[in-house]
Every structure is written in C-alpha cells, then in structure tokens.
Amino acid sequence: MFEHGHGAPIVMIPGLPGPWRFIAPAVHAVAAHYRVLTLSLGPECTLDDDVERIRRALDERKIDRAIICGISLGGLHALRFAATYPARTSALILVSTPGPGAELRPRHRLYARWPRLFGPLFLLETPFQLRHEWRWSLLKTLLGRPVSFVKMARRALLIESTDIAADCAKVTSPTFVVTGEQAFDHVVPVESSLNLLKAIPGAQHVELKGTGHLGSITHAQDFARIVQASDESSTRNPGSRRTA
C-alpha cells in the first residue's frame, strides 16, 4: 500500500494493468489535498481479495471511513467495497467504470481466452484506442511497468462475470460517476458508465471535458478538482446518503 499526502483519507484503485503507478499523476494531484492510499491490484485477480486488502489497510491505519475511488476496471473494486462496507465509505467515485450489462468486445473476449498469444496484439491496439488522448509519457509508463497479460485477461473477464447491478443496489454512500467525453472514450463506452446512474439512486454524473478514458491521468489537476467538489457536495448534503 502506497500512502501520500495529508487530510481526509481517500483510497484510489487502479485499472486493468494492475500497478498503481499507472495512475500516479492522479494520485499525486489528489494528494495535494487528501491523504491518498493506493495499491496495485493483487495476483488473485478477484474483487473480494482486493477489497479485503483495502479493508486491512484501513484497519492498520485506524481509518474508520474513507472516500473510495476506482478508475476504469478499478471502479468495480471500489463498487464492491462500497457494497460490502457501506459504513466505511464516506463517498464513492467511479471513473470511466463499466456499468451494469457491460460486455467485452468480441475480439477482447478472444484475447482474454488466449492471453499469451493475443496479449501483444492488445498492447499494439492500445495507442489506437487512446488516439485522442495519447501522450508519450504514457508509452514510457507502459514500457517501464511490465504487465502480465494472463492477469489482465483474468481481470477483464470480471466485467462479464460480476453482477454489477447487485453491487450497485447495496451502495448507500453519495456516488459520483466521472467520465470523459463520449466521442473520446474508446475503451469503456460512456453510455456504459452512465448506466451506473440508473442503478445507484442519487448518483451524480461529472464530465471531464476534452478527454476520454484517461482523463484522470492526462488531466490530473482537473480530476483532483472534481474529487474536491464531489467531497464537498457529499459533505454539504448528508441527506443524500441512503440507508440500507
């Protein structure tokens, strides 16, 4: 578990590749105002194992409640934490996260079936999928942080094997769904993320302008301001919290 900054605690959960350093720009931007705890996704490649890892980290630090923020696939982990430990979730922030009914594209289902064979092909198509928000710094990060195609495939399959709607139904915390612009996100369709608004009563949508799937990383300062505004909104409106 990596810890940085001071203030109210927030847990930030990375996406499909696994290492927390893939979201380092967002972590450092948010840490200017918050005590950020982040972790790399575990080797088990399950939601529940990572949720328990987060719970233990909070227990060790004697943190009763925290903002739980998941980026991309990490949003499913954040959602599971909020569903399992509602009393410990002061607010839930889901960033470009697949919503109920999300499905893998047929070619990605094929990649996940034979990850060692098709993993390099997935890596080669990544710059095309991120063509509207690609930065050379992202390539440096990808090359500098080796990833496991097998683990990525197991995590990708969570999108279809997880009952996302059931987790949504258990959320009682103020929830904020953050997306980029629909025309720019070619990884998780914005309409999929917006399905979370229907499944979590009272959830609010915030759009990061001029970016797509990687807005929390490429527009980290704007994202940090969204986190602050969301936190302030949940504090001003405690009545928005639902009771189980």
Foldseek 3Di string as FASTA:
>chain_A
DDKAAADAEEEEEEDLQFAPVLLVLLQVLLRPHHTYDYGGDDPVLDLVVVLVVVVVVCVVVVQQAHAYEYAELRLLSQLLNCLVCVRRHQEYEYELYFAAPDDDDPVLLVCLVPVVVCVVVVVVCVCVQQVQQDDVVSVVVPVVDDGDSNSSSSNVCCSVVPRRLVSLQRHQHAYEYEFEDQVRHSDRHPVRSCNSPVSHDNYYYDYDYSHGRCCCRSVVNVVSVVVVVSSVVCVVCVVSGGDD
